[in-house]
PDB file of N, CA and C in Angstrom:
ATOM      1  N   MET A   1      30.158  28.001 -26.524  1.00  0.00           N
ATOM      2  CA  MET A   1      29.072  27.803 -26.056  1.00  0.00           C
ATOM      3  C   MET A   1      28.414  26.297 -26.083  1.00  0.00           C
ATOM      4  N   GLU A   2      28.890  25.860 -27.301  1.00  0.00           N
ATOM      5  CA  GLU A   2      28.341  24.299 -27.541  1.00  0.00           C
ATOM      6  C   GLU A   2      28.469  23.293 -26.235  1.00  0.00           C
ATOM      7  N   TYR A   3      29.768  23.503 -25.642  1.00  0.00           N
ATOM      8  CA  TYR A   3      30.053  22.297 -24.566  1.00  0.00           C
ATOM      9  C   TYR A   3      29.106  22.462 -23.461  1.00  0.00           C
ATOM     10  N   VAL A   4      28.222  23.769 -23.283  1.00  0.00           N
ATOM     11  CA  VAL A   4      27.308  23.749 -22.362  1.00  0.00           C
ATOM     12  C   VAL A   4      26.211  23.081 -22.534  1.00  0.00           C
ATOM     13  N   SER A   5      25.791  23.160 -23.923  1.00  0.00           N
ATOM     14  CA  SER A   5      24.435  22.573 -24.403  1.00  0.00           C
ATOM     15  C   SER A   5      24.671  21.062 -24.574  1.00  0.00           C
ATOM     16  N   ALA A   6      26.002  20.553 -24.813  1.00  0.00           N
ATOM     17  CA  ALA A   6      26.293  19.371 -24.652  1.00  0.00           C
ATOM     18  C   ALA A   6      26.462  18.505 -23.398  1.00  0.00           C
ATOM     19  N   LEU A   7      26.744  19.517 -22.323  1.00  0.00           N
ATOM     20  CA  LEU A   7      26.977  18.909 -20.848  1.00  0.00           C
ATOM     21  C   LEU A   7      25.539  18.962 -19.992  1.00  0.00           C
ATOM     22  N   LEU A   8      24.596  19.918 -20.471  1.00  0.00           N
ATOM     23  CA  LEU A   8      23.593  19.933 -19.664  1.00  0.00           C
ATOM     24  C   LEU A   8      22.719  18.823 -19.638  1.00  0.00           C
ATOM     25  N   PRO A   9      22.191  18.248 -20.624  1.00  0.00           N
ATOM     26  CA  PRO A   9      21.448  16.867 -20.240  1.00  0.00           C
ATOM     27  C   PRO A   9      21.847  15.877 -19.370  1.00  0.00           C
ATOM     28  N   PRO A  10      23.386  15.536 -19.751  1.00  0.00           N
ATOM     29  CA  PRO A  10      23.797  14.474 -18.661  1.00  0.00           C
ATOM     30  C   PRO A  10      24.054  15.073 -17.163  1.00  0.00           C
ATOM     31  N   VAL A  11      24.212  16.137 -17.129  1.00  0.00           N
ATOM     32  CA  VAL A  11      24.263  16.837 -15.563  1.00  0.00           C
ATOM     33  C   VAL A  11      22.851  16.839 -15.158  1.00  0.00           C
ATOM     34  N   VAL A  12      21.814  17.168 -15.844  1.00  0.00           N
ATOM     35  CA  VAL A  12      20.373  17.078 -15.210  1.00  0.00           C
ATOM     36  C   VAL A  12      20.042  15.788 -15.138  1.00  0.00           C
ATOM     37  N   MET A  13      20.294  14.756 -15.851  1.00  0.00           N
ATOM     38  CA  MET A  13      19.932  13.478 -15.569  1.00  0.00           C
ATOM     39  C   MET A  13      20.598  12.819 -14.224  1.00  0.00           C
ATOM     40  N   ALA A  14      21.845  13.165 -14.069  1.00  0.00           N
ATOM     41  CA  ALA A  14      22.682  12.747 -13.034  1.00  0.00           C
ATOM     42  C   ALA A  14      22.163  13.402 -11.608  1.00  0.00           C
ATOM     43  N   VAL A  15      21.782  14.616 -11.884  1.00  0.00           N
ATOM     44  CA  VAL A  15      20.985  15.441 -10.525  1.00  0.00           C
ATOM     45  C   VAL A  15      19.671  14.560 -10.345  1.00  0.00           C
ATOM     46  N   PHE A  16      18.970  14.154 -11.550  1.00  0.00           N
ATOM     47  CA  PHE A  16      17.606  13.801 -11.271  1.00  0.00           C
ATOM     48  C   PHE A  16      17.858  12.364 -10.464  1.00  0.00           C
ATOM     49  N   PHE A  17      18.976  11.381 -11.024  1.00  0.00           N
ATOM     50  CA  PHE A  17      18.863  10.358 -10.427  1.00  0.00           C
ATOM     51  C   PHE A  17      19.412  10.183  -9.305  1.00  0.00           C
ATOM     52  N   GLY A  18      20.353  11.040  -8.799  1.00  0.00           N
ATOM     53  CA  GLY A  18      20.874  11.162  -7.441  1.00  0.00           C
ATOM     54  C   GLY A  18      19.614  11.491  -6.360  1.00  0.00           C
ATOM     55  N   GLY A  19      18.737  12.481  -6.927  1.00  0.00           N
ATOM     56  CA  GLY A  19      17.531  12.707  -6.032  1.00  0.00           C
ATOM     57  C   GLY A  19      16.732  11.405  -5.972  1.00  0.00           C
ATOM     58  N   LEU A  20      16.366  10.678  -7.253  1.00  0.00           N
ATOM     59  CA  LEU A  20      15.761   9.266  -6.841  1.00  0.00           C
ATOM     60  C   LEU A  20      16.151   8.423  -6.308  1.00  0.00           C
ATOM     61  N   ILE A  21      17.480   8.185  -6.000  1.00  0.00           N
ATOM     62  CA  ILE A  21      18.070   7.484  -5.119  1.00  0.00           C
ATOM     63  C   ILE A  21      18.108   7.881  -3.782  1.00  0.00           C
ATOM     64  N   VAL A  22      18.369   9.004  -3.178  1.00  0.00           N
ATOM     65  CA  VAL A  22      18.011   9.691  -2.099  1.00  0.00           C
ATOM     66  C   VAL A  22      16.729   9.372  -1.560  1.00  0.00           C
ATOM     67  N   THR A  23      15.641   9.792  -2.346  1.00  0.00           N
ATOM     68  CA  THR A  23      14.364   9.432  -2.166  1.00  0.00           C
ATOM     69  C   THR A  23      13.904   7.920  -1.657  1.00  0.00           C
ATOM     70  N   ILE A  24      14.549   7.195  -2.638  1.00  0.00           N
ATOM     71  CA  ILE A  24      14.289   5.864  -2.360  1.00  0.00           C
ATOM     72  C   ILE A  24      14.991   5.265  -1.002  1.00  0.00           C
ATOM     73  N   VAL A  25      15.948   5.752  -0.735  1.00  0.00           N
ATOM     74  CA  VAL A  25      16.544   5.407   0.504  1.00  0.00           C
ATOM     75  C   VAL A  25      16.035   5.947   1.570  1.00  0.00           C
ATOM     76  N   LYS A  26      15.549   7.027   1.900  1.00  0.00           N
ATOM     77  CA  LYS A  26      14.737   7.769   2.702  1.00  0.00           C
ATOM     78  C   LYS A  26      13.260   6.933   2.997  1.00  0.00           C
ATOM     79  N   THR A  27      12.676   6.584   2.034  1.00  0.00           N
ATOM     80  CA  THR A  27      11.693   6.328   2.359  1.00  0.00           C
ATOM     81  C   THR A  27      11.585   4.549   2.504  1.00  0.00           C
ATOM     82  N   GLN A  28      12.541   3.756   2.571  1.00  0.00           N
ATOM     83  CA  GLN A  28      13.007   2.437   2.925  1.00  0.00           C
ATOM     84  C   GLN A  28      12.914   2.298   4.415  1.00  0.00           C
ATOM     85  N   GLY A  29      13.003   3.048   5.259  1.00  0.00           N
ATOM     86  CA  GLY A  29      13.273   3.063   6.821  1.00  0.00           C
ATOM     87  C   GLY A  29      12.230   3.872   7.391  1.00  0.00           C
ATOM     88  N   GLY A  30      12.695   4.413   8.677  1.00  0.00           N
ATOM     89  CA  GLY A  30      11.866   5.159   9.412  1.00  0.00           C
ATOM     90  C   GLY A  30      10.675   4.722  10.294  1.00  0.00           C
ATOM     91  N   ALA A  31       9.846   5.231  10.642  1.00  0.00           N
ATOM     92  CA  ALA A  31       8.755   5.030  11.676  1.00  0.00           C
ATOM     93  C   ALA A  31       7.755   3.972  11.089  1.00  0.00           C
ATOM     94  N   ASN A  32       7.320   4.107   9.981  1.00  0.00           N
ATOM     95  CA  ASN A  32       6.634   3.101   9.023  1.00  0.00           C
ATOM     96  C   ASN A  32       7.069   1.779   9.024  1.00  0.00           C
ATOM     97  N   LYS A  33       8.684   1.774   9.075  1.00  0.00           N
ATOM     98  CA  LYS A  33       9.028   0.410   9.206  1.00  0.00           C
ATOM     99  C   LYS A  33       8.970  -0.299  10.180  1.00  0.00           C
ATOM    100  N   THR A  34       9.018   0.227  11.492  1.00  0.00           N
ATOM    101  CA  THR A  34       8.798  -0.422  12.810  1.00  0.00           C
ATOM    102  C   THR A  34       7.204  -0.715  13.059  1.00  0.00           C
ATOM    103  N   LYS A  35       6.099  -0.019  12.317  1.00  0.00           N
ATOM    104  CA  LYS A  35       4.702  -0.217  12.486  1.00  0.00           C
ATOM    105  C   LYS A  35       4.604  -1.682  11.273  1.00  0.00           C
ATOM    106  N   GLU A  36       5.337  -1.402  10.084  1.00  0.00           N
ATOM    107  CA  GLU A  36       4.843  -2.800   9.323  1.00  0.00           C
ATOM    108  C   GLU A  36       5.511  -3.871  10.194  1.00  0.00           C
ATOM    109  N   ASP A  37       6.735  -3.879  10.976  1.00  0.00           N
ATOM    110  CA  ASP A  37       7.375  -4.908  11.124  1.00  0.00           C
ATOM    111  C   ASP A  37       6.472  -5.507  12.564  1.00  0.00           C
ATOM    112  N   ALA A  38       5.973  -4.688  13.193  1.00  0.00           N
ATOM    113  CA  ALA A  38       4.917  -5.013  14.413  1.00  0.00           C
ATOM    114  C   ALA A  38       3.946  -5.805  13.570  1.00  0.00           C
ATOM    115  N   ALA A  39       3.139  -5.288  12.832  1.00  0.00           N
ATOM    116  CA  ALA A  39       2.077  -6.102  12.379  1.00  0.00           C
ATOM    117  C   ALA A  39       2.307  -7.481  11.818  1.00  0.00           C
ATOM    118  N   VAL A  40       3.533  -7.459  11.100  1.00  0.00           N
ATOM    119  CA  VAL A  40       3.949  -8.727  10.537  1.00  0.00           C
ATOM    120  C   VAL A  40       4.313  -9.477  11.762  1.00  0.00           C
ATOM    121  N   ASP A  41       4.839  -9.322  12.828  1.00  0.00           N
ATOM    122  CA  ASP A  41       5.158 -10.132  13.993  1.00  0.00           C
ATOM    123  C   ASP A  41       3.872 -10.511  14.528  1.00  0.00           C
ATOM    124  N   ALA A  42       2.709 -10.015  14.793  1.00  0.00           N
ATOM    125  CA  ALA A  42       1.505 -10.019  15.306  1.00  0.00           C
ATOM    126  C   ALA A  42       0.905 -11.121  14.388  1.00  0.00           C
ATOM    127  N   VAL A  43       0.907 -11.028  12.877  1.00  0.00           N
ATOM    128  CA  VAL A  43       0.419 -12.171  12.133  1.00  0.00           C
ATOM    129  C   VAL A  43       1.273 -13.301  12.386  1.00  0.00           C
ATOM    130  N   ILE A  44       2.497 -13.228  12.233  1.00  0.00           N
ATOM    131  CA  ILE A  44       3.172 -14.681  12.572  1.00  0.00           C
ATOM    132  C   ILE A  44       2.823 -15.065  13.906  1.00  0.00           C
ATOM    133  N   SER A  45       2.787 -14.402  14.871  1.00  0.00           N
ATOM    134  CA  SER A  45       2.465 -15.013  16.186  1.00  0.00           C
ATOM    135  C   SER A  45       1.165 -15.661  16.402  1.00  0.00           C
ATOM    136  N   ARG A  46       0.194 -15.040  15.756  1.00  0.00           N
ATOM    137  CA  ARG A  46      -1.022 -15.436  15.682  1.00  0.00           C
ATOM    138  C   ARG A  46      -1.117 -16.985  14.885  1.00  0.00           C
ATOM    139  N   ALA A  47      -0.604 -16.845  13.827  1.00  0.00           N
ATOM    140  CA  ALA A  47      -0.559 -17.942  12.863  1.00  0.00           C
ATOM    141  C   ALA A  47       0.207 -19.125  13.619  1.00  0.00           C
ATOM    142  N   GLU A  48       1.079 -19.039  14.363  1.00  0.00           N
ATOM    143  CA  GLU A  48       2.103 -20.088  15.113  1.00  0.00           C
ATOM    144  C   GLU A  48       0.958 -20.231  16.480  1.00  0.00           C
ATOM    145  N   GLY A  49       0.348 -19.627  16.920  1.00  0.00           N
ATOM    146  CA  GLY A  49      -0.512 -19.904  18.117  1.00  0.00           C
ATOM    147  C   GLY A  49      -1.553 -20.904  17.627  1.00  0.00           C
ATOM    148  N   ALA A  50      -2.062 -20.353  16.374  1.00  0.00           N
ATOM    149  CA  ALA A  50      -3.194 -21.383  15.853  1.00  0.00           C
ATOM    150  C   ALA A  50      -2.663 -22.617  15.453  1.00  0.00           C
ATOM    151  N   GLN A  51      -1.522 -22.790  14.994  1.00  0.00           N
ATOM    152  CA  GLN A  51      -0.792 -24.129  14.624  1.00  0.00           C
ATOM    153  C   GLN A  51      -0.737 -25.097  15.869  1.00  0.00           C
ATOM    154  N   GLN A  52      -0.394 -24.348  16.952  1.00  0.00           N
ATOM    155  CA  GLN A  52       0.006 -25.258  18.215  1.00  0.00           C
ATOM    156  C   GLN A  52      -1.133 -25.555  18.799  1.00  0.00           C
ATOM    157  N   THR A  53      -2.200 -24.840  19.050  1.00  0.00           N
ATOM    158  CA  THR A  53      -3.640 -25.187  19.772  1.00  0.00           C
ATOM    159  C   THR A  53      -3.939 -26.825  19.428  1.00  0.00           C
ATOM    160  N   PRO A  54      -4.280 -27.663  20.153  1.00  0.00           N
ATOM    161  CA  PRO A  54      -4.310 -29.049  19.898  1.00  0.00           C
ATOM    162  C   PRO A  54      -5.834 -29.081  19.528  1.00  0.00           C
ATOM    163  N   LYS A  55      -6.291 -29.721  18.610  1.00  0.00           N
ATOM    164  CA  LYS A  55      -7.609 -29.874  18.192  1.00  0.00           C
ATOM    165  C   LYS A  55      -8.232 -31.322  18.895  1.00  0.00           C
ATOM    166  N   ALA A  56      -8.937 -31.040  19.845  1.00  0.00           N
ATOM    167  CA  ALA A  56      -9.597 -32.243  20.685  1.00  0.00           C
ATOM    168  C   ALA A  56     -10.976 -32.600  20.196  1.00  0.00           C
TER     169      ALA A  56
END
């Protein structure tokens, strides 16, 4: 029975770490990513437009 108590903590940590990695990967993309990209593109295009307008 000692081997069970010796192996339990590393197995629990491995499962927890695997779940953490899966959660991180899932939250890196998705629908929010396209909204963020669109917002960044809009800010960049506004900044470029402001730079290109001639000041007369």
